[in-house]
PDB file of N, CA and C in Angstrom:
ATOM      1  N   UNK A   1      20.316  -1.444   3.469  1.00  0.00           N
ATOM      2  CA  UNK A   1      20.760  -2.365   2.497  1.00  0.00           C
ATOM      3  C   UNK A   1      22.443  -1.950   2.658  1.00  0.00           C
ATOM      4  N   UNK A   2      23.133  -2.975   2.721  1.00  0.00           N
ATOM      5  CA  UNK A   2      24.634  -2.686   2.944  1.00  0.00           C
ATOM      6  C   UNK A   2      25.177  -2.378   1.365  1.00  0.00           C
ATOM      7  N   UNK A   3      26.591  -1.841   1.792  1.00  0.00           N
ATOM      8  CA  UNK A   3      27.185  -1.365   0.393  1.00  0.00           C
ATOM      9  C   UNK A   3      27.438  -2.499  -0.618  1.00  0.00           C
ATOM     10  N   UNK A   4      27.876  -3.701  -0.168  1.00  0.00           N
ATOM     11  CA  UNK A   4      28.044  -4.891  -0.985  1.00  0.00           C
ATOM     12  C   UNK A   4      26.951  -5.471  -1.592  1.00  0.00           C
ATOM     13  N   UNK A   5      25.770  -5.439  -0.647  1.00  0.00           N
ATOM     14  CA  UNK A   5      24.487  -6.018  -1.362  1.00  0.00           C
ATOM     15  C   UNK A   5      24.048  -5.384  -2.349  1.00  0.00           C
ATOM     16  N   UNK A   6      24.025  -3.924  -2.466  1.00  0.00           N
ATOM     17  CA  UNK A   6      23.750  -3.153  -3.397  1.00  0.00           C
ATOM     18  C   UNK A   6      24.579  -3.504  -4.808  1.00  0.00           C
ATOM     19  N   UNK A   7      25.725  -3.583  -4.429  1.00  0.00           N
ATOM     20  CA  UNK A   7      26.729  -3.522  -5.542  1.00  0.00           C
ATOM     21  C   UNK A   7      26.303  -5.013  -6.180  1.00  0.00           C
ATOM     22  N   UNK A   8      26.147  -6.138  -5.539  1.00  0.00           N
ATOM     23  CA  UNK A   8      25.732  -7.306  -6.046  1.00  0.00           C
ATOM     24  C   UNK A   8      24.645  -7.368  -6.726  1.00  0.00           C
ATOM     25  N   UNK A   9      23.327  -6.810  -6.270  1.00  0.00           N
ATOM     26  CA  UNK A   9      22.058  -6.817  -6.760  1.00  0.00           C
ATOM     27  C   UNK A   9      22.294  -6.086  -8.130  1.00  0.00           C
ATOM     28  N   UNK A  10      23.281  -5.082  -8.433  1.00  0.00           N
ATOM     29  CA  UNK A  10      23.068  -4.442  -9.650  1.00  0.00           C
ATOM     30  C   UNK A  10      24.218  -5.007 -10.621  1.00  0.00           C
ATOM     31  N   UNK A  11      24.535  -6.256 -10.431  1.00  0.00           N
ATOM     32  CA  UNK A  11      25.650  -6.718 -11.220  1.00  0.00           C
ATOM     33  C   UNK A  11      25.246  -6.846 -12.645  1.00  0.00           C
ATOM     34  N   UNK A  12      23.981  -6.943 -13.076  1.00  0.00           N
ATOM     35  CA  UNK A  12      23.684  -7.056 -14.472  1.00  0.00           C
ATOM     36  C   UNK A  12      23.605  -5.351 -14.947  1.00  0.00           C
ATOM     37  N   UNK A  13      23.868  -4.538 -14.316  1.00  0.00           N
ATOM     38  CA  UNK A  13      23.711  -3.136 -14.738  1.00  0.00           C
ATOM     39  C   UNK A  13      24.854  -2.313 -14.113  1.00  0.00           C
ATOM     40  N   UNK A  14      26.114  -2.781 -14.374  1.00  0.00           N
ATOM     41  CA  UNK A  14      27.319  -2.144 -13.293  1.00  0.00           C
ATOM     42  C   UNK A  14      27.389  -0.792 -13.352  1.00  0.00           C
ATOM     43  N   UNK A  15      26.818   0.030 -14.605  1.00  0.00           N
ATOM     44  CA  UNK A  15      27.267   1.512 -14.528  1.00  0.00           C
ATOM     45  C   UNK A  15      26.006   2.357 -13.681  1.00  0.00           C
ATOM     46  N   UNK A  16      24.999   1.578 -13.244  1.00  0.00           N
ATOM     47  CA  UNK A  16      23.621   2.062 -12.783  1.00  0.00           C
ATOM     48  C   UNK A  16      24.187   2.757 -11.558  1.00  0.00           C
ATOM     49  N   UNK A  17      24.888   2.454 -10.398  1.00  0.00           N
ATOM     50  CA  UNK A  17      25.008   2.819  -9.200  1.00  0.00           C
ATOM     51  C   UNK A  17      25.588   4.215  -9.408  1.00  0.00           C
ATOM     52  N   UNK A  18      26.976   4.321 -10.163  1.00  0.00           N
ATOM     53  CA  UNK A  18      27.732   5.236 -10.417  1.00  0.00           C
ATOM     54  C   UNK A  18      26.671   6.581 -11.140  1.00  0.00           C
ATOM     55  N   UNK A  19      25.916   6.169 -11.973  1.00  0.00           N
ATOM     56  CA  UNK A  19      25.187   7.227 -12.598  1.00  0.00           C
ATOM     57  C   UNK A  19      24.238   7.696 -11.744  1.00  0.00           C
ATOM     58  N   UNK A  20      23.606   6.948 -10.928  1.00  0.00           N
ATOM     59  CA  UNK A  20      22.466   7.466 -10.021  1.00  0.00           C
ATOM     60  C   UNK A  20      23.200   8.169  -8.919  1.00  0.00           C
ATOM     61  N   UNK A  21      24.388   7.974  -8.438  1.00  0.00           N
ATOM     62  CA  UNK A  21      25.081   8.507  -7.199  1.00  0.00           C
ATOM     63  C   UNK A  21      25.541   9.950  -7.675  1.00  0.00           C
ATOM     64  N   UNK A  22      25.898  10.175  -9.056  1.00  0.00           N
ATOM     65  CA  UNK A  22      26.614  11.144  -9.582  1.00  0.00           C
ATOM     66  C   UNK A  22      25.444  12.531  -9.383  1.00  0.00           C
ATOM     67  N   UNK A  23      24.152  11.911  -9.313  1.00  0.00           N
ATOM     68  CA  UNK A  23      23.120  13.004  -9.368  1.00  0.00           C
ATOM     69  C   UNK A  23      22.905  13.777  -8.244  1.00  0.00           C
ATOM     70  N   UNK A  24      23.461  13.537  -6.978  1.00  0.00           N
ATOM     71  CA  UNK A  24      23.009  14.022  -5.706  1.00  0.00           C
ATOM     72  C   UNK A  24      24.494  14.389  -5.130  1.00  0.00           C
ATOM     73  N   UNK A  25      24.762  15.660  -4.929  1.00  0.00           N
ATOM     74  CA  UNK A  25      26.057  15.808  -4.255  1.00  0.00           C
ATOM     75  C   UNK A  25      26.116  15.215  -2.775  1.00  0.00           C
ATOM     76  N   UNK A  26      25.040  15.039  -2.166  1.00  0.00           N
ATOM     77  CA  UNK A  26      25.238  14.644  -0.713  1.00  0.00           C
ATOM     78  C   UNK A  26      25.459  12.964  -0.810  1.00  0.00           C
ATOM     79  N   UNK A  27      25.601  12.326  -1.885  1.00  0.00           N
ATOM     80  CA  UNK A  27      25.849  10.956  -2.036  1.00  0.00           C
ATOM     81  C   UNK A  27      27.206  10.762  -2.423  1.00  0.00           C
ATOM     82  N   UNK A  28      28.150  12.082  -2.501  1.00  0.00           N
ATOM     83  CA  UNK A  28      29.566  11.722  -3.036  1.00  0.00           C
ATOM     84  C   UNK A  28      30.367  10.840  -2.163  1.00  0.00           C
ATOM     85  N   UNK A  29      30.131  10.769  -0.857  1.00  0.00           N
ATOM     86  CA  UNK A  29      30.874   9.736  -0.133  1.00  0.00           C
ATOM     87  C   UNK A  29      30.693   8.407  -0.532  1.00  0.00           C
ATOM     88  N   UNK A  30      29.539   8.202  -0.701  1.00  0.00           N
ATOM     89  CA  UNK A  30      28.878   6.970  -1.154  1.00  0.00           C
ATOM     90  C   UNK A  30      29.507   6.520  -2.533  1.00  0.00           C
ATOM     91  N   UNK A  31      29.655   7.456  -3.505  1.00  0.00           N
ATOM     92  CA  UNK A  31      30.061   7.156  -4.718  1.00  0.00           C
ATOM     93  C   UNK A  31      31.685   6.822  -4.747  1.00  0.00           C
ATOM     94  N   UNK A  32      32.328   7.465  -3.809  1.00  0.00           N
ATOM     95  CA  UNK A  32      33.841   7.103  -3.739  1.00  0.00           C
ATOM     96  C   UNK A  32      33.942   5.732  -3.264  1.00  0.00           C
ATOM     97  N   UNK A  33      32.920   5.366  -2.223  1.00  0.00           N
ATOM     98  CA  UNK A  33      33.023   3.933  -1.775  1.00  0.00           C
ATOM     99  C   UNK A  33      32.672   2.874  -2.834  1.00  0.00           C
ATOM    100  N   UNK A  34      31.879   3.220  -3.695  1.00  0.00           N
ATOM    101  CA  UNK A  34      31.527   2.317  -4.877  1.00  0.00           C
ATOM    102  C   UNK A  34      32.641   2.173  -6.031  1.00  0.00           C
ATOM    103  N   UNK A  35      33.303   3.380  -6.118  1.00  0.00           N
ATOM    104  CA  UNK A  35      34.327   3.536  -7.012  1.00  0.00           C
ATOM    105  C   UNK A  35      35.600   2.726  -6.489  1.00  0.00           C
ATOM    106  N   UNK A  36      35.612   2.433  -5.052  1.00  0.00           N
ATOM    107  CA  UNK A  36      36.743   1.521  -4.583  1.00  0.00           C
ATOM    108  C   UNK A  36      36.363   0.148  -4.275  1.00  0.00           C
ATOM    109  N   UNK A  37      35.114  -0.409  -4.623  1.00  0.00           N
ATOM    110  CA  UNK A  37      34.702  -1.653  -4.262  1.00  0.00           C
ATOM    111  C   UNK A  37      35.650  -2.727  -4.491  1.00  0.00           C
ATOM    112  N   UNK A  38      36.252  -2.833  -5.633  1.00  0.00           N
ATOM    113  CA  UNK A  38      37.352  -3.865  -6.105  1.00  0.00           C
ATOM    114  C   UNK A  38      38.127  -3.960  -4.704  1.00  0.00           C
ATOM    115  N   UNK A  39      38.893  -2.871  -4.480  1.00  0.00           N
ATOM    116  CA  UNK A  39      39.888  -2.638  -3.606  1.00  0.00           C
ATOM    117  C   UNK A  39      39.181  -3.227  -2.076  1.00  0.00           C
ATOM    118  N   UNK A  40      38.037  -2.859  -1.727  1.00  0.00           N
ATOM    119  CA  UNK A  40      37.296  -3.312  -0.595  1.00  0.00           C
ATOM    120  C   UNK A  40      37.249  -4.661  -0.533  1.00  0.00           C
ATOM    121  N   UNK A  41      36.946  -5.290  -1.751  1.00  0.00           N
ATOM    122  CA  UNK A  41      36.405  -6.565  -1.758  1.00  0.00           C
ATOM    123  C   UNK A  41      37.956  -7.495  -1.410  1.00  0.00           C
ATOM    124  N   UNK A  42      38.659  -7.029  -2.266  1.00  0.00           N
ATOM    125  CA  UNK A  42      40.192  -7.772  -2.130  1.00  0.00           C
ATOM    126  C   UNK A  42      40.768  -7.717  -0.635  1.00  0.00           C
ATOM    127  N   UNK A  43      40.477  -6.716   0.076  1.00  0.00           N
ATOM    128  CA  UNK A  43      41.088  -6.479   1.472  1.00  0.00           C
ATOM    129  C   UNK A  43      40.129  -7.067   2.360  1.00  0.00           C
ATOM    130  N   UNK A  44      38.709  -7.283   1.914  1.00  0.00           N
ATOM    131  CA  UNK A  44      37.907  -7.751   2.942  1.00  0.00           C
ATOM    132  C   UNK A  44      37.535  -6.670   3.947  1.00  0.00           C
ATOM    133  N   UNK A  45      37.495  -5.294   3.470  1.00  0.00           N
ATOM    134  CA  UNK A  45      37.362  -4.338   4.546  1.00  0.00           C
ATOM    135  C   UNK A  45      35.762  -4.563   5.112  1.00  0.00           C
ATOM    136  N   UNK A  46      35.378  -5.395   6.066  1.00  0.00           N
ATOM    137  CA  UNK A  46      34.157  -5.400   6.323  1.00  0.00           C
ATOM    138  C   UNK A  46      33.450  -4.318   6.820  1.00  0.00           C
ATOM    139  N   UNK A  47      34.108  -3.357   7.720  1.00  0.00           N
ATOM    140  CA  UNK A  47      33.528  -2.175   8.133  1.00  0.00           C
ATOM    141  C   UNK A  47      33.097  -1.199   6.991  1.00  0.00           C
ATOM    142  N   UNK A  48      33.517  -1.309   5.911  1.00  0.00           N
ATOM    143  CA  UNK A  48      33.266  -0.312   4.688  1.00  0.00           C
ATOM    144  C   UNK A  48      32.144  -1.206   3.747  1.00  0.00           C
ATOM    145  N   UNK A  49      32.393  -2.570   3.667  1.00  0.00           N
ATOM    146  CA  UNK A  49      31.631  -3.213   2.761  1.00  0.00           C
ATOM    147  C   UNK A  49      30.158  -3.466   3.461  1.00  0.00           C
ATOM    148  N   UNK A  50      30.312  -3.692   4.978  1.00  0.00           N
ATOM    149  CA  UNK A  50      28.843  -3.749   5.497  1.00  0.00           C
ATOM    150  C   UNK A  50      28.108  -2.564   6.048  1.00  0.00           C
ATOM    151  N   UNK A  51      28.804  -1.317   5.534  1.00  0.00           N
ATOM    152  CA  UNK A  51      28.110  -0.043   5.759  1.00  0.00           C
ATOM    153  C   UNK A  51      26.847   0.050   5.370  1.00  0.00           C
ATOM    154  N   UNK A  52      25.730   0.496   6.079  1.00  0.00           N
ATOM    155  CA  UNK A  52      24.341   0.497   5.944  1.00  0.00           C
ATOM    156  C   UNK A  52      24.140   1.865   4.892  1.00  0.00           C
ATOM    157  N   UNK A  53      23.743   1.661   3.601  1.00  0.00           N
ATOM    158  CA  UNK A  53      23.271   2.710   2.892  1.00  0.00           C
ATOM    159  C   UNK A  53      21.978   3.546   3.186  1.00  0.00           C
ATOM    160  N   UNK A  54      21.979   4.618   3.149  1.00  0.00           N
ATOM    161  CA  UNK A  54      20.766   5.429   3.245  1.00  0.00           C
ATOM    162  C   UNK A  54      19.494   5.071   2.278  1.00  0.00           C
ATOM    163  N   UNK A  55      18.293   4.763   2.880  1.00  0.00           N
ATOM    164  CA  UNK A  55      17.313   4.250   1.906  1.00  0.00           C
ATOM    165  C   UNK A  55      16.848   4.925   0.658  1.00  0.00           C
ATOM    166  N   UNK A  56      17.110   6.441   0.912  1.00  0.00           N
ATOM    167  CA  UNK A  56      16.627   7.115  -0.338  1.00  0.00           C
ATOM    168  C   UNK A  56      17.977   6.880  -1.346  1.00  0.00           C
ATOM    169  N   UNK A  57      18.983   6.407  -1.135  1.00  0.00           N
ATOM    170  CA  UNK A  57      20.049   6.307  -2.211  1.00  0.00           C
ATOM    171  C   UNK A  57      19.738   4.845  -2.693  1.00  0.00           C
ATOM    172  N   UNK A  58      19.540   3.961  -1.870  1.00  0.00           N
ATOM    173  CA  UNK A  58      18.937   2.627  -2.316  1.00  0.00           C
ATOM    174  C   UNK A  58      17.912   2.645  -3.166  1.00  0.00           C
ATOM    175  N   UNK A  59      16.869   3.353  -2.835  1.00  0.00           N
ATOM    176  CA  UNK A  59      15.352   3.375  -3.629  1.00  0.00           C
ATOM    177  C   UNK A  59      15.677   3.978  -4.912  1.00  0.00           C
ATOM    178  N   UNK A  60      16.739   5.123  -4.892  1.00  0.00           N
ATOM    179  CA  UNK A  60      16.998   5.731  -6.200  1.00  0.00           C
ATOM    180  C   UNK A  60      17.606   4.861  -7.153  1.00  0.00           C
ATOM    181  N   UNK A  61      18.646   4.020  -6.783  1.00  0.00           N
ATOM    182  CA  UNK A  61      19.455   2.965  -7.786  1.00  0.00           C
ATOM    183  C   UNK A  61      18.242   1.898  -8.064  1.00  0.00           C
ATOM    184  N   UNK A  62      17.601   1.382  -6.975  1.00  0.00           N
ATOM    185  CA  UNK A  62      16.717   0.084  -7.184  1.00  0.00           C
ATOM    186  C   UNK A  62      15.324   0.637  -8.164  1.00  0.00           C
ATOM    187  N   UNK A  63      15.079   1.711  -8.069  1.00  0.00           N
ATOM    188  CA  UNK A  63      13.901   2.243  -8.986  1.00  0.00           C
ATOM    189  C   UNK A  63      14.391   2.313 -10.598  1.00  0.00           C
ATOM    190  N   UNK A  64      15.575   2.214 -10.659  1.00  0.00           N
ATOM    191  CA  UNK A  64      15.926   2.217 -12.237  1.00  0.00           C
ATOM    192  C   UNK A  64      16.634   0.867 -12.634  1.00  0.00           C
ATOM    193  N   UNK A  65      16.752   0.028 -11.545  1.00  0.00           N
ATOM    194  CA  UNK A  65      17.246  -1.525 -11.701  1.00  0.00           C
ATOM    195  C   UNK A  65      16.109  -2.323 -12.698  1.00  0.00           C
ATOM    196  N   UNK A  66      16.597  -2.703 -13.871  1.00  0.00           N
ATOM    197  CA  UNK A  66      15.941  -3.566 -14.704  1.00  0.00           C
ATOM    198  C   UNK A  66      15.936  -5.049 -14.074  1.00  0.00           C
ATOM    199  N   UNK A  67      15.235  -5.493 -13.018  1.00  0.00           N
ATOM    200  CA  UNK A  67      15.285  -6.798 -12.452  1.00  0.00           C
ATOM    201  C   UNK A  67      14.002  -7.099 -11.949  1.00  0.00           C
ATOM    202  N   UNK A  68      13.360  -8.223 -12.179  1.00  0.00           N
ATOM    203  CA  UNK A  68      12.162  -8.727 -11.831  1.00  0.00           C
ATOM    204  C   UNK A  68      12.131  -9.753 -10.759  1.00  0.00           C
ATOM    205  N   UNK A  69      11.486  -9.626  -9.692  1.00  0.00           N
ATOM    206  CA  UNK A  69      11.383 -10.909  -8.827  1.00  0.00           C
ATOM    207  C   UNK A  69      10.082 -11.270  -8.886  1.00  0.00           C
ATOM    208  N   UNK A  70       9.845 -12.611  -8.493  1.00  0.00           N
ATOM    209  CA  UNK A  70       8.539 -13.294  -8.719  1.00  0.00           C
ATOM    210  C   UNK A  70       8.019 -13.792  -7.151  1.00  0.00           C
ATOM    211  N   UNK A  71       6.798 -13.735  -6.959  1.00  0.00           N
ATOM    212  CA  UNK A  71       6.258 -13.952  -5.644  1.00  0.00           C
ATOM    213  C   UNK A  71       5.349 -15.196  -5.933  1.00  0.00           C
ATOM    214  N   UNK A  72       5.534 -16.394  -5.405  1.00  0.00           N
ATOM    215  CA  UNK A  72       4.463 -17.418  -5.539  1.00  0.00           C
ATOM    216  C   UNK A  72       3.509 -17.367  -4.358  1.00  0.00           C
ATOM    217  N   UNK A  73       2.211 -17.978  -4.775  1.00  0.00           N
ATOM    218  CA  UNK A  73       1.223 -18.213  -3.876  1.00  0.00           C
ATOM    219  C   UNK A  73       1.624 -18.770  -2.533  1.00  0.00           C
ATOM    220  N   UNK A  74       2.839 -19.733  -2.380  1.00  0.00           N
ATOM    221  CA  UNK A  74       3.163 -20.078  -1.223  1.00  0.00           C
ATOM    222  C   UNK A  74       4.068 -19.687  -0.411  1.00  0.00           C
ATOM    223  N   UNK A  75       4.541 -18.345  -0.923  1.00  0.00           N
ATOM    224  CA  UNK A  75       5.538 -17.641  -0.150  1.00  0.00           C
ATOM    225  C   UNK A  75       6.935 -17.608  -0.685  1.00  0.00           C
ATOM    226  N   UNK A  76       7.193 -18.053  -1.649  1.00  0.00           N
ATOM    227  CA  UNK A  76       8.520 -17.988  -2.135  1.00  0.00           C
ATOM    228  C   UNK A  76       8.748 -17.054  -3.225  1.00  0.00           C
ATOM    229  N   UNK A  77      10.019 -16.447  -2.991  1.00  0.00           N
ATOM    230  CA  UNK A  77      10.291 -15.076  -3.800  1.00  0.00           C
ATOM    231  C   UNK A  77      11.502 -15.727  -4.688  1.00  0.00           C
ATOM    232  N   UNK A  78      11.422 -15.471  -5.881  1.00  0.00           N
ATOM    233  CA  UNK A  78      12.254 -16.206  -6.988  1.00  0.00           C
ATOM    234  C   UNK A  78      12.971 -15.232  -7.912  1.00  0.00           C
ATOM    235  N   UNK A  79      14.016 -15.657  -8.618  1.00  0.00           N
ATOM    236  CA  UNK A  79      14.536 -14.846  -9.417  1.00  0.00           C
ATOM    237  C   UNK A  79      13.917 -15.021 -10.974  1.00  0.00           C
ATOM    238  N   UNK A  80      13.269 -16.217 -10.830  1.00  0.00           N
ATOM    239  CA  UNK A  80      12.479 -16.527 -12.116  1.00  0.00           C
ATOM    240  C   UNK A  80      11.330 -16.896 -11.728  1.00  0.00           C
ATOM    241  N   UNK A  81      10.131 -16.748 -12.832  1.00  0.00           N
ATOM    242  CA  UNK A  81       8.912 -17.124 -12.528  1.00  0.00           C
ATOM    243  C   UNK A  81       8.978 -18.796 -12.495  1.00  0.00           C
ATOM    244  N   UNK A  82       8.147 -19.215 -11.473  1.00  0.00           N
ATOM    245  CA  UNK A  82       8.038 -20.607 -11.187  1.00  0.00           C
ATOM    246  C   UNK A  82       6.498 -21.093 -11.724  1.00  0.00           C
ATOM    247  N   UNK A  83       5.490 -20.356 -11.761  1.00  0.00           N
ATOM    248  CA  UNK A  83       4.313 -20.660 -12.211  1.00  0.00           C
ATOM    249  C   UNK A  83       3.513 -19.625 -12.649  1.00  0.00           C
ATOM    250  N   UNK A  84       2.386 -19.870 -13.467  1.00  0.00           N
ATOM    251  CA  UNK A  84       1.557 -18.586 -13.977  1.00  0.00           C
ATOM    252  C   UNK A  84       0.841 -17.769 -13.203  1.00  0.00           C
ATOM    253  N   UNK A  85       0.709 -18.313 -11.949  1.00  0.00           N
ATOM    254  CA  UNK A  85       0.239 -17.445 -10.849  1.00  0.00           C
ATOM    255  C   UNK A  85       1.136 -16.616 -10.085  1.00  0.00           C
ATOM    256  N   UNK A  86       2.538 -16.764 -10.386  1.00  0.00           N
ATOM    257  CA  UNK A  86       3.519 -15.809  -9.799  1.00  0.00           C
ATOM    258  C   UNK A  86       3.477 -14.434  -9.819  1.00  0.00           C
ATOM    259  N   UNK A  87       3.497 -13.482  -8.961  1.00  0.00           N
ATOM    260  CA  UNK A  87       3.403 -12.168  -8.953  1.00  0.00           C
ATOM    261  C   UNK A  87       5.025 -11.497  -9.177  1.00  0.00           C
ATOM    262  N   UNK A  88       4.803 -10.734 -10.193  1.00  0.00           N
ATOM    263  CA  UNK A  88       6.145 -10.184 -10.532  1.00  0.00           C
ATOM    264  C   UNK A  88       6.183  -9.032  -9.761  1.00  0.00           C
ATOM    265  N   UNK A  89       7.326  -8.704  -9.211  1.00  0.00           N
ATOM    266  CA  UNK A  89       7.670  -7.480  -8.438  1.00  0.00           C
ATOM    267  C   UNK A  89       9.007  -6.832  -8.765  1.00  0.00           C
ATOM    268  N   UNK A  90       8.989  -5.396  -9.019  1.00  0.00           N
ATOM    269  CA  UNK A  90      10.207  -4.704  -9.196  1.00  0.00           C
ATOM    270  C   UNK A  90      11.303  -4.984  -8.324  1.00  0.00           C
ATOM    271  N   UNK A  91      12.408  -4.668  -8.590  1.00  0.00           N
ATOM    272  CA  UNK A  91      13.219  -4.743  -7.236  1.00  0.00           C
ATOM    273  C   UNK A  91      13.288  -3.747  -6.299  1.00  0.00           C
ATOM    274  N   UNK A  92      12.571  -2.490  -6.673  1.00  0.00           N
ATOM    275  CA  UNK A  92      12.431  -1.719  -5.751  1.00  0.00           C
ATOM    276  C   UNK A  92      11.062  -1.832  -4.820  1.00  0.00           C
ATOM    277  N   UNK A  93      10.023  -2.514  -5.428  1.00  0.00           N
ATOM    278  CA  UNK A  93       8.895  -3.044  -4.938  1.00  0.00           C
ATOM    279  C   UNK A  93       9.257  -4.296  -3.919  1.00  0.00           C
ATOM    280  N   UNK A  94      10.475  -5.123  -4.311  1.00  0.00           N
ATOM    281  CA  UNK A  94      10.836  -6.069  -3.376  1.00  0.00           C
ATOM    282  C   UNK A  94      11.380  -5.479  -2.276  1.00  0.00           C
ATOM    283  N   UNK A  95      12.362  -4.625  -2.194  1.00  0.00           N
ATOM    284  CA  UNK A  95      12.995  -3.939  -1.312  1.00  0.00           C
ATOM    285  C   UNK A  95      11.896  -3.290  -0.268  1.00  0.00           C
ATOM    286  N   UNK A  96      10.892  -2.752  -0.678  1.00  0.00           N
ATOM    287  CA  UNK A  96      10.023  -2.033  -0.065  1.00  0.00           C
ATOM    288  C   UNK A  96       9.314  -3.087   1.046  1.00  0.00           C
ATOM    289  N   UNK A  97       9.211  -4.282   0.348  1.00  0.00           N
ATOM    290  CA  UNK A  97       8.417  -5.246   1.226  1.00  0.00           C
ATOM    291  C   UNK A  97       9.238  -6.132   2.041  1.00  0.00           C
ATOM    292  N   UNK A  98      10.443  -6.548   1.556  1.00  0.00           N
ATOM    293  CA  UNK A  98      11.293  -7.472   2.278  1.00  0.00           C
ATOM    294  C   UNK A  98      12.598  -7.034   2.560  1.00  0.00           C
ATOM    295  N   UNK A  99      13.129  -5.918   2.124  1.00  0.00           N
ATOM    296  CA  UNK A  99      14.400  -5.427   2.606  1.00  0.00           C
ATOM    297  C   UNK A  99      15.425  -5.532   1.598  1.00  0.00           C
ATOM    298  N   UNK A 100      16.741  -5.132   1.705  1.00  0.00           N
ATOM    299  CA  UNK A 100      17.679  -5.379   1.047  1.00  0.00           C
ATOM    300  C   UNK A 100      18.448  -6.711   0.953  1.00  0.00           C
ATOM    301  N   UNK A 101      18.542  -7.493   1.952  1.00  0.00           N
ATOM    302  CA  UNK A 101      19.015  -8.560   2.063  1.00  0.00           C
ATOM    303  C   UNK A 101      18.525  -9.650   1.415  1.00  0.00           C
ATOM    304  N   UNK A 102      17.244  -9.605   1.254  1.00  0.00           N
ATOM    305  CA  UNK A 102      16.463 -10.413   0.482  1.00  0.00           C
ATOM    306  C   UNK A 102      16.666 -10.444  -1.003  1.00  0.00           C
ATOM    307  N   UNK A 103      16.973  -9.333  -1.540  1.00  0.00           N
ATOM    308  CA  UNK A 103      17.240  -9.165  -2.905  1.00  0.00           C
ATOM    309  C   UNK A 103      18.254  -9.899  -3.235  1.00  0.00           C
ATOM    310  N   UNK A 104      19.488  -9.782  -2.450  1.00  0.00           N
ATOM    311  CA  UNK A 104      20.770 -10.278  -2.729  1.00  0.00           C
ATOM    312  C   UNK A 104      20.644 -11.932  -2.676  1.00  0.00           C
ATOM    313  N   UNK A 105      19.972 -12.397  -1.619  1.00  0.00           N
ATOM    314  CA  UNK A 105      19.686 -13.877  -1.343  1.00  0.00           C
ATOM    315  C   UNK A 105      18.954 -14.510  -2.290  1.00  0.00           C
ATOM    316  N   UNK A 106      17.971 -13.857  -3.054  1.00  0.00           N
ATOM    317  CA  UNK A 106      17.249 -14.631  -4.090  1.00  0.00           C
ATOM    318  C   UNK A 106      18.178 -14.915  -5.378  1.00  0.00           C
ATOM    319  N   UNK A 107      19.160 -13.550  -5.499  1.00  0.00           N
ATOM    320  CA  UNK A 107      19.765 -13.889  -6.752  1.00  0.00           C
ATOM    321  C   UNK A 107      20.937 -14.822  -6.518  1.00  0.00           C
ATOM    322  N   UNK A 108      21.424 -14.806  -4.997  1.00  0.00           N
ATOM    323  CA  UNK A 108      22.557 -15.933  -4.813  1.00  0.00           C
ATOM    324  C   UNK A 108      21.982 -17.365  -5.009  1.00  0.00           C
ATOM    325  N   UNK A 109      20.608 -17.582  -4.068  1.00  0.00           N
ATOM    326  CA  UNK A 109      20.386 -18.976  -4.138  1.00  0.00           C
ATOM    327  C   UNK A 109      19.236 -19.381  -4.952  1.00  0.00           C
ATOM    328  N   UNK A 110      18.657 -18.313  -5.842  1.00  0.00           N
ATOM    329  CA  UNK A 110      17.450 -18.474  -6.543  1.00  0.00           C
ATOM    330  C   UNK A 110      16.050 -18.391  -6.105  1.00  0.00           C
ATOM    331  N   UNK A 111      16.011 -18.554  -4.669  1.00  0.00           N
ATOM    332  CA  UNK A 111      14.822 -18.243  -4.019  1.00  0.00           C
ATOM    333  C   UNK A 111      14.926 -18.463  -2.569  1.00  0.00           C
ATOM    334  N   UNK A 112      13.989 -17.690  -2.200  1.00  0.00           N
ATOM    335  CA  UNK A 112      13.859 -17.464  -0.487  1.00  0.00           C
ATOM    336  C   UNK A 112      12.483 -17.558  -0.100  1.00  0.00           C
ATOM    337  N   UNK A 113      12.253 -18.221   0.916  1.00  0.00           N
ATOM    338  CA  UNK A 113      10.823 -17.986   1.553  1.00  0.00           C
ATOM    339  C   UNK A 113      10.532 -17.110   2.356  1.00  0.00           C
ATOM    340  N   UNK A 114       9.720 -16.102   1.927  1.00  0.00           N
ATOM    341  CA  UNK A 114       9.307 -14.615   2.632  1.00  0.00           C
ATOM    342  C   UNK A 114       8.361 -14.862   3.362  1.00  0.00           C
ATOM    343  N   UNK A 115       7.329 -15.739   3.509  1.00  0.00           N
ATOM    344  CA  UNK A 115       6.042 -15.958   4.356  1.00  0.00           C
ATOM    345  C   UNK A 115       5.607 -17.514   4.468  1.00  0.00           C
TER     346      UNK A 115
END
């Protein structure tokens, strides 16, 4: 998952990333990058915004994110339930199944076909 994608996905809990990254000394580099996110966006520093984050860092953050995705029987992943048979998935569970880009796409577009 890219730096900008994790930042975007966590927009409903803006303090979550920093609180999680402070817990591990080996994540200090990434903590500084997230603290500079506004500057990186303003300058469109693609090399830093598109940096791939370590999976253990992403899992740690997403494990605490209070965000639910919904998978329908017809293979659509949505940010809101569409039917009574939709399966609720945590952000971490969705990441494990479909990867980080899908998390952000669903929030941006409302739904993404995953199968």
